[in-house]
Amino acid sequence: MDIKRIVQAIKGDKLAFEGLLLEMQEQLYRTAYIYMQNKEDALDVLQETAYLGMKSIYQLRDPSLFKTWLTRILINTALKELKQKKKVHFSGEEQLIFLKTKEVENDLDLVRAIGMLKEDYRIVILLHYYQGLSIKELSLALNIPEGTIKTNLSRGRKCLKTLLEEVDYNGFQTN
C-alpha cells in the first residue's frame, strides 16, 4: 500500500481513501463473504465498512496499519450484522461454492476440507492463506493473541492433512 496515499486519506482526501478502497476491494469482499455467506450481505458489509472507514480514518495513528485497521472494521461490521440477523454459523456448501467460483483453489478436495474445518481454524486459514494477512495482522483484525492465531493455524493445517488423507481417488469417503 502507498503510505503517501494513506497519509493523504488521513488528512481528509476522499479520493485517496477511495483509491485505497479500490485497491483492497477484492480482499475486503472475500473477507465479508466469508462471514456473511452471500453476495448481498457481503456487499452491505463492504459498503458500511467504507462509510465507517471514511468517517474515522483521521483516528488511524500508524499509516502502515491501514490494511489491518480497515479489515478489523470490516470484521466488526460483519459480526455486528450477524448478531443482528442471528446468523452465527457458516454454511459449508455456500462457502465451497464461493471458493470454487472465485477459483481460489482448484483442488476441490482441499476446498471441501476447508469447509469442514472448525470455524476458528477455517477463519484463520482463509484469512492467512487466501487473503494474505500476516499473523500480526490476523491478531489485530480478530482481536486474538498471536499465539492463539499460530495455534489455530497449526491445528487447522493438521486437521486439513487428516481430512485430505481420508480422501481416496474418488473423493471424500462417506463412512
N, C-alpha and C. Protein backbone atom coordinates (compact mmCIF):
# COMPACT_ATOMS: atom_id res chain seq x y z
N MET A 1 0.84 -1.18 0.00
CA MET A 1 0.00 0.00 0.00
C MET A 1 0.89 1.24 0.00
N ASP A 2 0.39 2.24 -0.65
CA ASP A 2 1.10 3.51 -0.78
C ASP A 2 0.89 4.35 0.48
N ILE A 3 1.94 4.49 1.27
CA ILE A 3 1.86 5.22 2.54
C ILE A 3 1.46 6.68 2.30
N LYS A 4 1.96 7.28 1.21
CA LYS A 4 1.62 8.69 0.92
C LYS A 4 0.10 8.83 0.73
N ARG A 5 -0.49 7.89 0.02
CA ARG A 5 -1.93 7.96 -0.21
C ARG A 5 -2.70 7.75 1.10
N ILE A 6 -2.19 6.89 1.96
CA ILE A 6 -2.83 6.66 3.25
C ILE A 6 -2.77 7.94 4.09
N VAL A 7 -1.61 8.59 4.09
CA VAL A 7 -1.46 9.85 4.84
C VAL A 7 -2.42 10.90 4.28
N GLN A 8 -2.54 10.96 2.95
CA GLN A 8 -3.49 11.90 2.34
C GLN A 8 -4.91 11.60 2.80
N ALA A 9 -5.26 10.33 2.84
CA ALA A 9 -6.61 9.94 3.27
C ALA A 9 -6.84 10.33 4.73
N ILE A 10 -5.84 10.13 5.57
CA ILE A 10 -5.95 10.50 6.98
C ILE A 10 -6.19 12.00 7.11
N LYS A 11 -5.58 12.78 6.21
CA LYS A 11 -5.74 14.24 6.24
C LYS A 11 -7.05 14.70 5.62
N GLY A 12 -7.88 13.74 5.17
CA GLY A 12 -9.20 14.11 4.67
C GLY A 12 -9.38 14.03 3.16
N ASP A 13 -8.40 13.54 2.43
CA ASP A 13 -8.51 13.42 0.97
C ASP A 13 -9.40 12.22 0.63
N LYS A 14 -10.64 12.50 0.25
CA LYS A 14 -11.62 11.45 -0.04
C LYS A 14 -11.22 10.62 -1.27
N LEU A 15 -10.62 11.24 -2.26
CA LEU A 15 -10.18 10.49 -3.45
C LEU A 15 -9.06 9.50 -3.11
N ALA A 16 -8.17 9.90 -2.21
CA ALA A 16 -7.11 9.00 -1.78
C ALA A 16 -7.71 7.80 -1.06
N PHE A 17 -8.69 8.05 -0.19
CA PHE A 17 -9.35 6.96 0.54
C PHE A 17 -10.08 6.04 -0.44
N GLU A 18 -10.76 6.63 -1.41
CA GLU A 18 -11.47 5.83 -2.42
C GLU A 18 -10.49 4.95 -3.20
N GLY A 19 -9.35 5.49 -3.54
CA GLY A 19 -8.32 4.70 -4.24
C GLY A 19 -7.83 3.53 -3.40
N LEU A 20 -7.66 3.76 -2.11
CA LEU A 20 -7.24 2.69 -1.21
C LEU A 20 -8.30 1.59 -1.13
N LEU A 21 -9.56 2.02 -1.07
CA LEU A 21 -10.65 1.04 -1.05
C LEU A 21 -10.68 0.22 -2.33
N LEU A 22 -10.48 0.88 -3.46
CA LEU A 22 -10.47 0.16 -4.74
C LEU A 22 -9.33 -0.85 -4.78
N GLU A 23 -8.21 -0.47 -4.22
CA GLU A 23 -7.05 -1.36 -4.20
C GLU A 23 -7.32 -2.62 -3.36
N MET A 24 -8.12 -2.47 -2.32
CA MET A 24 -8.40 -3.57 -1.40
C MET A 24 -9.75 -4.23 -1.64
N GLN A 25 -10.51 -3.77 -2.62
CA GLN A 25 -11.90 -4.20 -2.74
C GLN A 25 -12.09 -5.70 -2.84
N GLU A 26 -11.28 -6.39 -3.61
CA GLU A 26 -11.48 -7.84 -3.75
C GLU A 26 -11.20 -8.56 -2.44
N GLN A 27 -10.12 -8.18 -1.76
CA GLN A 27 -9.79 -8.80 -0.48
C GLN A 27 -10.88 -8.52 0.54
N LEU A 28 -11.35 -7.29 0.60
CA LEU A 28 -12.40 -6.94 1.55
C LEU A 28 -13.69 -7.70 1.24
N TYR A 29 -14.02 -7.80 -0.05
CA TYR A 29 -15.24 -8.51 -0.42
C TYR A 29 -15.16 -9.98 -0.01
N ARG A 30 -14.03 -10.60 -0.29
CA ARG A 30 -13.88 -12.02 0.06
C ARG A 30 -13.98 -12.23 1.56
N THR A 31 -13.39 -11.34 2.32
CA THR A 31 -13.47 -11.45 3.77
C THR A 31 -14.91 -11.28 4.24
N ALA A 32 -15.60 -10.29 3.68
CA ALA A 32 -17.01 -10.07 4.04
C ALA A 32 -17.83 -11.30 3.66
N TYR A 33 -17.54 -11.89 2.52
CA TYR A 33 -18.29 -13.07 2.07
C TYR A 33 -18.06 -14.25 3.00
N ILE A 34 -16.83 -14.40 3.47
CA ILE A 34 -16.53 -15.49 4.41
C ILE A 34 -17.44 -15.41 5.62
N TYR A 35 -17.67 -14.20 6.10
CA TYR A 35 -18.53 -14.02 7.26
C TYR A 35 -20.00 -14.07 6.91
N MET A 36 -20.41 -13.41 5.86
CA MET A 36 -21.83 -13.20 5.58
C MET A 36 -22.47 -14.32 4.76
N GLN A 37 -21.68 -15.06 4.00
CA GLN A 37 -22.13 -16.23 3.26
C GLN A 37 -22.96 -15.94 2.02
N ASN A 38 -23.25 -14.69 1.73
CA ASN A 38 -23.96 -14.40 0.49
C ASN A 38 -23.54 -13.03 -0.03
N LYS A 39 -23.73 -12.85 -1.32
CA LYS A 39 -23.25 -11.66 -2.02
C LYS A 39 -23.89 -10.38 -1.49
N GLU A 40 -25.19 -10.38 -1.31
CA GLU A 40 -25.90 -9.17 -0.92
C GLU A 40 -25.45 -8.67 0.45
N ASP A 41 -25.39 -9.57 1.42
CA ASP A 41 -24.97 -9.19 2.76
C ASP A 41 -23.49 -8.77 2.77
N ALA A 42 -22.67 -9.46 1.99
CA ALA A 42 -21.25 -9.10 1.91
C ALA A 42 -21.09 -7.69 1.34
N LEU A 43 -21.86 -7.36 0.32
CA LEU A 43 -21.80 -6.02 -0.26
C LEU A 43 -22.30 -4.96 0.72
N ASP A 44 -23.32 -5.29 1.50
CA ASP A 44 -23.80 -4.37 2.54
C ASP A 44 -22.71 -4.10 3.57
N VAL A 45 -22.04 -5.15 4.00
CA VAL A 45 -20.97 -5.01 4.98
C VAL A 45 -19.83 -4.19 4.39
N LEU A 46 -19.52 -4.43 3.13
CA LEU A 46 -18.47 -3.68 2.45
C LEU A 46 -18.81 -2.20 2.39
N GLN A 47 -20.05 -1.89 2.07
CA GLN A 47 -20.49 -0.50 2.00
C GLN A 47 -20.42 0.17 3.38
N GLU A 48 -20.87 -0.53 4.39
CA GLU A 48 -20.83 0.02 5.76
C GLU A 48 -19.38 0.21 6.21
N THR A 49 -18.51 -0.72 5.83
CA THR A 49 -17.09 -0.60 6.17
C THR A 49 -16.48 0.63 5.52
N ALA A 50 -16.81 0.86 4.26
CA ALA A 50 -16.31 2.04 3.56
C ALA A 50 -16.76 3.32 4.27
N TYR A 51 -18.03 3.35 4.65
CA TYR A 51 -18.57 4.52 5.35
C TYR A 51 -17.87 4.73 6.69
N LEU A 52 -17.78 3.67 7.48
CA LEU A 52 -17.16 3.78 8.80
C LEU A 52 -15.67 4.14 8.68
N GLY A 53 -15.01 3.56 7.69
CA GLY A 53 -13.60 3.87 7.47
C GLY A 53 -13.40 5.33 7.10
N MET A 54 -14.22 5.81 6.19
CA MET A 54 -14.13 7.21 5.77
C MET A 54 -14.39 8.14 6.96
N LYS A 55 -15.36 7.77 7.75
CA LYS A 55 -15.77 8.59 8.89
C LYS A 55 -14.68 8.65 9.98
N SER A 56 -13.90 7.58 10.12
CA SER A 56 -12.95 7.52 11.23
C SER A 56 -11.49 7.42 10.81
N ILE A 57 -11.18 7.62 9.54
CA ILE A 57 -9.80 7.50 9.05
C ILE A 57 -8.85 8.41 9.81
N TYR A 58 -9.32 9.56 10.23
CA TYR A 58 -8.45 10.51 10.94
C TYR A 58 -7.92 9.94 12.26
N GLN A 59 -8.55 8.89 12.78
CA GLN A 59 -8.12 8.28 14.04
C GLN A 59 -6.96 7.31 13.85
N LEU A 60 -6.67 6.93 12.62
CA LEU A 60 -5.59 5.98 12.34
C LEU A 60 -4.25 6.66 12.63
N ARG A 61 -3.52 6.15 13.59
CA ARG A 61 -2.25 6.77 14.00
C ARG A 61 -1.06 6.26 13.20
N ASP A 62 -1.09 5.01 12.78
CA ASP A 62 0.04 4.42 12.07
C ASP A 62 -0.41 4.03 10.67
N PRO A 63 -0.02 4.82 9.65
CA PRO A 63 -0.46 4.53 8.28
C PRO A 63 -0.08 3.13 7.79
N SER A 64 0.98 2.55 8.34
CA SER A 64 1.38 1.21 7.89
C SER A 64 0.39 0.13 8.34
N LEU A 65 -0.51 0.48 9.27
CA LEU A 65 -1.51 -0.47 9.75
C LEU A 65 -2.88 -0.28 9.07
N PHE A 66 -2.93 0.47 7.99
CA PHE A 66 -4.19 0.77 7.32
C PHE A 66 -4.95 -0.50 6.94
N LYS A 67 -4.27 -1.44 6.30
CA LYS A 67 -4.91 -2.67 5.84
C LYS A 67 -5.53 -3.44 7.02
N THR A 68 -4.77 -3.57 8.09
CA THR A 68 -5.26 -4.27 9.28
C THR A 68 -6.41 -3.51 9.91
N TRP A 69 -6.27 -2.20 10.01
CA TRP A 69 -7.30 -1.34 10.60
C TRP A 69 -8.62 -1.48 9.84
N LEU A 70 -8.56 -1.40 8.51
CA LEU A 70 -9.78 -1.49 7.72
C LEU A 70 -10.37 -2.90 7.76
N THR A 71 -9.52 -3.92 7.77
CA THR A 71 -10.01 -5.30 7.88
C THR A 71 -10.71 -5.50 9.22
N ARG A 72 -10.18 -4.91 10.26
CA ARG A 72 -10.82 -5.04 11.58
C ARG A 72 -12.19 -4.35 11.58
N ILE A 73 -12.29 -3.18 10.96
CA ILE A 73 -13.59 -2.51 10.84
C ILE A 73 -14.57 -3.43 10.10
N LEU A 74 -14.12 -4.05 9.03
CA LEU A 74 -14.97 -4.94 8.25
C LEU A 74 -15.44 -6.13 9.09
N ILE A 75 -14.52 -6.75 9.80
CA ILE A 75 -14.87 -7.92 10.62
C ILE A 75 -15.85 -7.52 11.71
N ASN A 76 -15.59 -6.40 12.38
CA ASN A 76 -16.52 -5.95 13.43
C ASN A 76 -17.89 -5.63 12.84
N THR A 77 -17.92 -5.03 11.66
CA THR A 77 -19.18 -4.73 11.00
C THR A 77 -19.93 -6.01 10.65
N ALA A 78 -19.20 -7.00 10.12
CA ALA A 78 -19.82 -8.28 9.77
C ALA A 78 -20.36 -8.98 11.01
N LEU A 79 -19.58 -8.99 12.08
CA LEU A 79 -20.04 -9.64 13.32
C LEU A 79 -21.27 -8.95 13.89
N LYS A 80 -21.28 -7.63 13.83
CA LYS A 80 -22.46 -6.88 14.30
C LYS A 80 -23.68 -7.23 13.46
N GLU A 81 -23.49 -7.31 12.17
CA GLU A 81 -24.61 -7.65 11.28
C GLU A 81 -25.09 -9.08 11.54
N LEU A 82 -24.17 -10.00 11.73
CA LEU A 82 -24.54 -11.39 12.02
C LEU A 82 -25.31 -11.49 13.32
N LYS A 83 -24.87 -10.73 14.30
CA LYS A 83 -25.57 -10.74 15.59
C LYS A 83 -26.99 -10.23 15.42
N GLN A 84 -27.16 -9.18 14.64
CA GLN A 84 -28.50 -8.64 14.40
C GLN A 84 -29.37 -9.63 13.65
N LYS A 85 -28.78 -10.37 12.74
CA LYS A 85 -29.55 -11.34 11.94
C LYS A 85 -29.59 -12.71 12.60
N LYS A 86 -28.85 -12.85 13.70
CA LYS A 86 -28.76 -14.12 14.41
C LYS A 86 -28.26 -15.25 13.51
N LYS A 87 -27.36 -14.89 12.59
CA LYS A 87 -26.70 -15.87 11.74
C LYS A 87 -25.30 -16.05 12.30
N VAL A 88 -25.06 -17.17 12.95
CA VAL A 88 -23.77 -17.32 13.60
C VAL A 88 -22.91 -18.44 13.03
N HIS A 89 -23.42 -19.22 12.12
CA HIS A 89 -22.61 -20.33 11.59
C HIS A 89 -22.45 -20.21 10.08
N PHE A 90 -21.31 -20.71 9.62
CA PHE A 90 -21.05 -20.78 8.19
C PHE A 90 -21.88 -21.89 7.56
N SER A 91 -22.26 -21.68 6.35
CA SER A 91 -22.83 -22.76 5.55
C SER A 91 -21.69 -23.28 4.71
N GLY A 92 -21.22 -24.45 5.04
CA GLY A 92 -20.08 -25.01 4.31
C GLY A 92 -20.32 -25.10 2.82
N GLU A 93 -21.54 -25.45 2.42
CA GLU A 93 -21.84 -25.60 0.99
C GLU A 93 -21.75 -24.26 0.27
N GLU A 94 -22.34 -23.19 0.85
CA GLU A 94 -22.26 -21.87 0.22
C GLU A 94 -20.82 -21.41 0.14
N GLN A 95 -20.05 -21.65 1.18
CA GLN A 95 -18.66 -21.23 1.19
C GLN A 95 -17.88 -21.98 0.10
N LEU A 96 -18.15 -23.26 -0.06
CA LEU A 96 -17.46 -24.04 -1.08
C LEU A 96 -17.82 -23.54 -2.47
N ILE A 97 -19.08 -23.21 -2.69
CA ILE A 97 -19.50 -22.70 -3.99
C ILE A 97 -18.76 -21.41 -4.28
N PHE A 98 -18.66 -20.52 -3.28
CA PHE A 98 -17.96 -19.27 -3.47
C PHE A 98 -16.50 -19.50 -3.80
N LEU A 99 -15.85 -20.36 -3.04
CA LEU A 99 -14.44 -20.62 -3.29
C LEU A 99 -14.22 -21.19 -4.69
N LYS A 100 -15.12 -22.09 -5.12
CA LYS A 100 -14.98 -22.68 -6.45
C LYS A 100 -15.19 -21.63 -7.53
N THR A 101 -16.20 -20.78 -7.39
CA THR A 101 -16.48 -19.81 -8.44
C THR A 101 -15.40 -18.74 -8.51
N LYS A 102 -14.76 -18.44 -7.42
CA LYS A 102 -13.69 -17.45 -7.42
C LYS A 102 -12.35 -18.08 -7.79
N GLU A 103 -12.32 -19.36 -8.01
CA GLU A 103 -11.10 -20.09 -8.36
C GLU A 103 -9.99 -19.82 -7.35
N VAL A 104 -10.37 -19.73 -6.08
CA VAL A 104 -9.39 -19.53 -5.03
C VAL A 104 -8.47 -20.74 -4.97
N GLU A 105 -9.03 -21.90 -5.15
CA GLU A 105 -8.24 -23.13 -5.10
C GLU A 105 -8.88 -24.12 -6.06
N ASN A 106 -8.10 -24.61 -7.00
CA ASN A 106 -8.64 -25.54 -7.99
C ASN A 106 -8.82 -26.94 -7.44
N ASP A 107 -8.16 -27.28 -6.36
CA ASP A 107 -8.26 -28.60 -5.80
C ASP A 107 -9.54 -28.71 -4.97
N LEU A 108 -10.55 -29.35 -5.55
CA LEU A 108 -11.86 -29.44 -4.91
C LEU A 108 -11.79 -30.15 -3.56
N ASP A 109 -10.92 -31.14 -3.42
CA ASP A 109 -10.80 -31.83 -2.14
C ASP A 109 -10.33 -30.88 -1.05
N LEU A 110 -9.38 -30.00 -1.38
CA LEU A 110 -8.91 -29.03 -0.40
C LEU A 110 -10.02 -28.06 -0.04
N VAL A 111 -10.76 -27.60 -1.02
CA VAL A 111 -11.87 -26.68 -0.77
C VAL A 111 -12.90 -27.34 0.14
N ARG A 112 -13.23 -28.59 -0.13
CA ARG A 112 -14.18 -29.31 0.72
C ARG A 112 -13.65 -29.45 2.14
N ALA A 113 -12.37 -29.79 2.24
CA ALA A 113 -11.77 -29.98 3.57
C ALA A 113 -11.79 -28.67 4.36
N ILE A 114 -11.49 -27.56 3.72
CA ILE A 114 -11.53 -26.27 4.41
C ILE A 114 -12.94 -25.99 4.90
N GLY A 115 -13.94 -26.32 4.10
CA GLY A 115 -15.32 -26.13 4.51
C GLY A 115 -15.73 -26.99 5.69
N MET A 116 -14.99 -28.06 5.94
CA MET A 116 -15.32 -28.97 7.04
C MET A 116 -14.59 -28.60 8.34
N LEU A 117 -13.68 -27.64 8.28
CA LEU A 117 -12.92 -27.27 9.48
C LEU A 117 -13.78 -26.57 10.52
N LYS A 118 -13.36 -26.68 11.76
CA LYS A 118 -13.96 -25.91 12.86
C LYS A 118 -13.81 -24.42 12.50
N GLU A 119 -14.80 -23.62 12.85
CA GLU A 119 -14.84 -22.21 12.45
C GLU A 119 -13.57 -21.45 12.81
N ASP A 120 -13.04 -21.64 14.01
CA ASP A 120 -11.83 -20.93 14.44
C ASP A 120 -10.65 -21.22 13.51
N TYR A 121 -10.54 -22.46 13.06
CA TYR A 121 -9.46 -22.85 12.17
C TYR A 121 -9.72 -22.34 10.76
N ARG A 122 -10.96 -22.46 10.31
CA ARG A 122 -11.32 -22.06 8.95
C ARG A 122 -11.04 -20.57 8.74
N ILE A 123 -11.43 -19.73 9.69
CA ILE A 123 -11.25 -18.29 9.55
C ILE A 123 -9.78 -17.93 9.39
N VAL A 124 -8.93 -18.45 10.28
CA VAL A 124 -7.51 -18.07 10.19
C VAL A 124 -6.86 -18.66 8.94
N ILE A 125 -7.25 -19.87 8.56
CA ILE A 125 -6.70 -20.46 7.33
C ILE A 125 -7.08 -19.61 6.12
N LEU A 126 -8.35 -19.26 6.02
CA LEU A 126 -8.80 -18.47 4.87
C LEU A 126 -8.18 -17.08 4.85
N LEU A 127 -8.16 -16.41 5.98
CA LEU A 127 -7.61 -15.05 6.01
C LEU A 127 -6.09 -15.05 5.82
N HIS A 128 -5.42 -16.07 6.34
CA HIS A 128 -3.96 -16.12 6.21
C HIS A 128 -3.52 -16.56 4.80
N TYR A 129 -4.07 -17.66 4.34
CA TYR A 129 -3.60 -18.21 3.07
C TYR A 129 -4.30 -17.63 1.85
N TYR A 130 -5.56 -17.27 1.97
CA TYR A 130 -6.28 -16.76 0.81
C TYR A 130 -6.32 -15.24 0.76
N GLN A 131 -6.26 -14.58 1.92
CA GLN A 131 -6.27 -13.13 1.95
C GLN A 131 -4.88 -12.56 2.16
N GLY A 132 -3.95 -13.38 2.57
CA GLY A 132 -2.57 -12.94 2.73
C GLY A 132 -2.30 -12.13 3.99
N LEU A 133 -3.18 -12.20 4.98
CA LEU A 133 -2.93 -11.47 6.22
C LEU A 133 -1.84 -12.18 7.02
N SER A 134 -0.92 -11.40 7.57
CA SER A 134 0.14 -11.96 8.41
C SER A 134 -0.45 -12.36 9.76
N ILE A 135 0.34 -13.06 10.55
CA ILE A 135 -0.11 -13.46 11.88
C ILE A 135 -0.40 -12.22 12.72
N LYS A 136 0.46 -11.22 12.62
CA LYS A 136 0.24 -9.98 13.37
C LYS A 136 -1.05 -9.30 12.91
N GLU A 137 -1.27 -9.24 11.59
CA GLU A 137 -2.49 -8.62 11.07
C GLU A 137 -3.74 -9.39 11.50
N LEU A 138 -3.64 -10.71 11.49
CA LEU A 138 -4.76 -11.53 11.96
C LEU A 138 -5.05 -11.26 13.43
N SER A 139 -4.01 -11.17 14.22
CA SER A 139 -4.17 -10.90 15.64
C SER A 139 -4.88 -9.57 15.87
N LEU A 140 -4.45 -8.55 15.15
CA LEU A 140 -5.08 -7.24 15.28
C LEU A 140 -6.51 -7.25 14.75
N ALA A 141 -6.71 -7.88 13.60
CA ALA A 141 -8.03 -7.87 12.97
C ALA A 141 -9.06 -8.66 13.75
N LEU A 142 -8.65 -9.79 14.30
CA LEU A 142 -9.59 -10.66 15.01
C LEU A 142 -9.59 -10.43 16.52
N ASN A 143 -8.66 -9.59 16.97
CA ASN A 143 -8.52 -9.29 18.40
C ASN A 143 -8.26 -10.57 19.20
N ILE A 144 -7.33 -11.37 18.66
CA ILE A 144 -6.93 -12.64 19.26
C ILE A 144 -5.40 -12.60 19.40
N PRO A 145 -4.84 -13.11 20.50
CA PRO A 145 -3.38 -13.11 20.64
C PRO A 145 -2.69 -13.86 19.50
N GLU A 146 -1.48 -13.39 19.16
CA GLU A 146 -0.72 -14.02 18.07
C GLU A 146 -0.50 -15.51 18.34
N GLY A 147 -0.27 -15.87 19.59
CA GLY A 147 -0.07 -17.28 19.93
C GLY A 147 -1.29 -18.12 19.59
N THR A 148 -2.47 -17.58 19.83
CA THR A 148 -3.71 -18.29 19.50
C THR A 148 -3.85 -18.43 17.99
N ILE A 149 -3.49 -17.38 17.25
CA ILE A 149 -3.53 -17.44 15.79
C ILE A 149 -2.61 -18.55 15.29
N LYS A 150 -1.39 -18.59 15.82
CA LYS A 150 -0.42 -19.63 15.42
C LYS A 150 -0.95 -21.02 15.75
N THR A 151 -1.54 -21.16 16.93
CA THR A 151 -2.10 -22.45 17.34
C THR A 151 -3.23 -22.86 16.40
N ASN A 152 -4.14 -21.94 16.11
CA ASN A 152 -5.26 -22.25 15.22
C ASN A 152 -4.78 -22.58 13.81
N LEU A 153 -3.76 -21.88 13.33
CA LEU A 153 -3.21 -22.21 12.01
C LEU A 153 -2.60 -23.61 12.02
N SER A 154 -1.83 -23.91 13.06
CA SER A 154 -1.20 -25.22 13.15
C SER A 154 -2.24 -26.33 13.25
N ARG A 155 -3.22 -26.15 14.12
CA ARG A 155 -4.26 -27.18 14.28
C ARG A 155 -5.11 -27.28 13.01
N GLY A 156 -5.37 -26.16 12.38
CA GLY A 156 -6.14 -26.17 11.14
C GLY A 156 -5.42 -26.94 10.05
N ARG A 157 -4.10 -26.72 9.94
CA ARG A 157 -3.31 -27.46 8.94
C ARG A 157 -3.31 -28.96 9.25
N LYS A 158 -3.20 -29.31 10.53
CA LYS A 158 -3.23 -30.73 10.92
C LYS A 158 -4.58 -31.35 10.56
N CYS A 159 -5.65 -30.64 10.85
CA CYS A 159 -6.99 -31.15 10.52
C CYS A 159 -7.13 -31.31 9.00
N LEU A 160 -6.63 -30.32 8.26
CA LEU A 160 -6.69 -30.43 6.80
C LEU A 160 -5.93 -31.65 6.31
N LYS A 161 -4.75 -31.87 6.86
CA LYS A 161 -3.95 -33.02 6.47
C LYS A 161 -4.71 -34.32 6.74
N THR A 162 -5.31 -34.40 7.92
CA THR A 162 -6.08 -35.59 8.29
C THR A 162 -7.26 -35.78 7.34
N LEU A 163 -7.99 -34.70 7.09
CA LEU A 163 -9.14 -34.79 6.19
C LEU A 163 -8.71 -35.21 4.79
N LEU A 164 -7.62 -34.65 4.31
CA LEU A 164 -7.17 -34.97 2.96
C LEU A 164 -6.62 -36.39 2.87
N GLU A 165 -6.08 -36.92 3.95
CA GLU A 165 -5.61 -38.30 3.95
C GLU A 165 -6.78 -39.28 3.90
N GLU A 166 -7.97 -38.83 4.33
CA GLU A 166 -9.16 -39.68 4.29
C GLU A 166 -9.77 -39.75 2.89
N VAL A 167 -9.27 -38.93 2.00
CA VAL A 167 -9.81 -38.88 0.65
C VAL A 167 -9.19 -40.01 -0.18
N ASP A 168 -10.05 -40.76 -0.83
CA ASP A 168 -9.50 -41.74 -1.77
C ASP A 168 -9.55 -41.14 -3.17
N TYR A 169 -9.22 -41.90 -4.18
CA TYR A 169 -9.18 -41.36 -5.54
C TYR A 169 -10.55 -40.97 -6.07
N ASN A 170 -11.63 -41.36 -5.42
CA ASN A 170 -12.97 -40.98 -5.85
C ASN A 170 -13.51 -39.77 -5.10
N GLY A 171 -12.75 -39.18 -4.21
CA GLY A 171 -13.24 -38.04 -3.43
C GLY A 171 -13.40 -38.42 -1.99
N PHE A 172 -14.18 -37.63 -1.26
CA PHE A 172 -14.36 -37.89 0.17
C PHE A 172 -15.12 -39.18 0.38
N GLN A 173 -14.61 -39.95 1.34
CA GLN A 173 -15.30 -41.19 1.69
C GLN A 173 -16.56 -40.85 2.46
N THR A 174 -17.54 -41.68 2.36
CA THR A 174 -18.82 -41.39 3.01
C THR A 174 -18.97 -42.06 4.37
N ASN A 175 -18.01 -42.85 4.81
CA ASN A 175 -18.17 -43.54 6.10
C ASN A 175 -17.76 -42.69 7.26
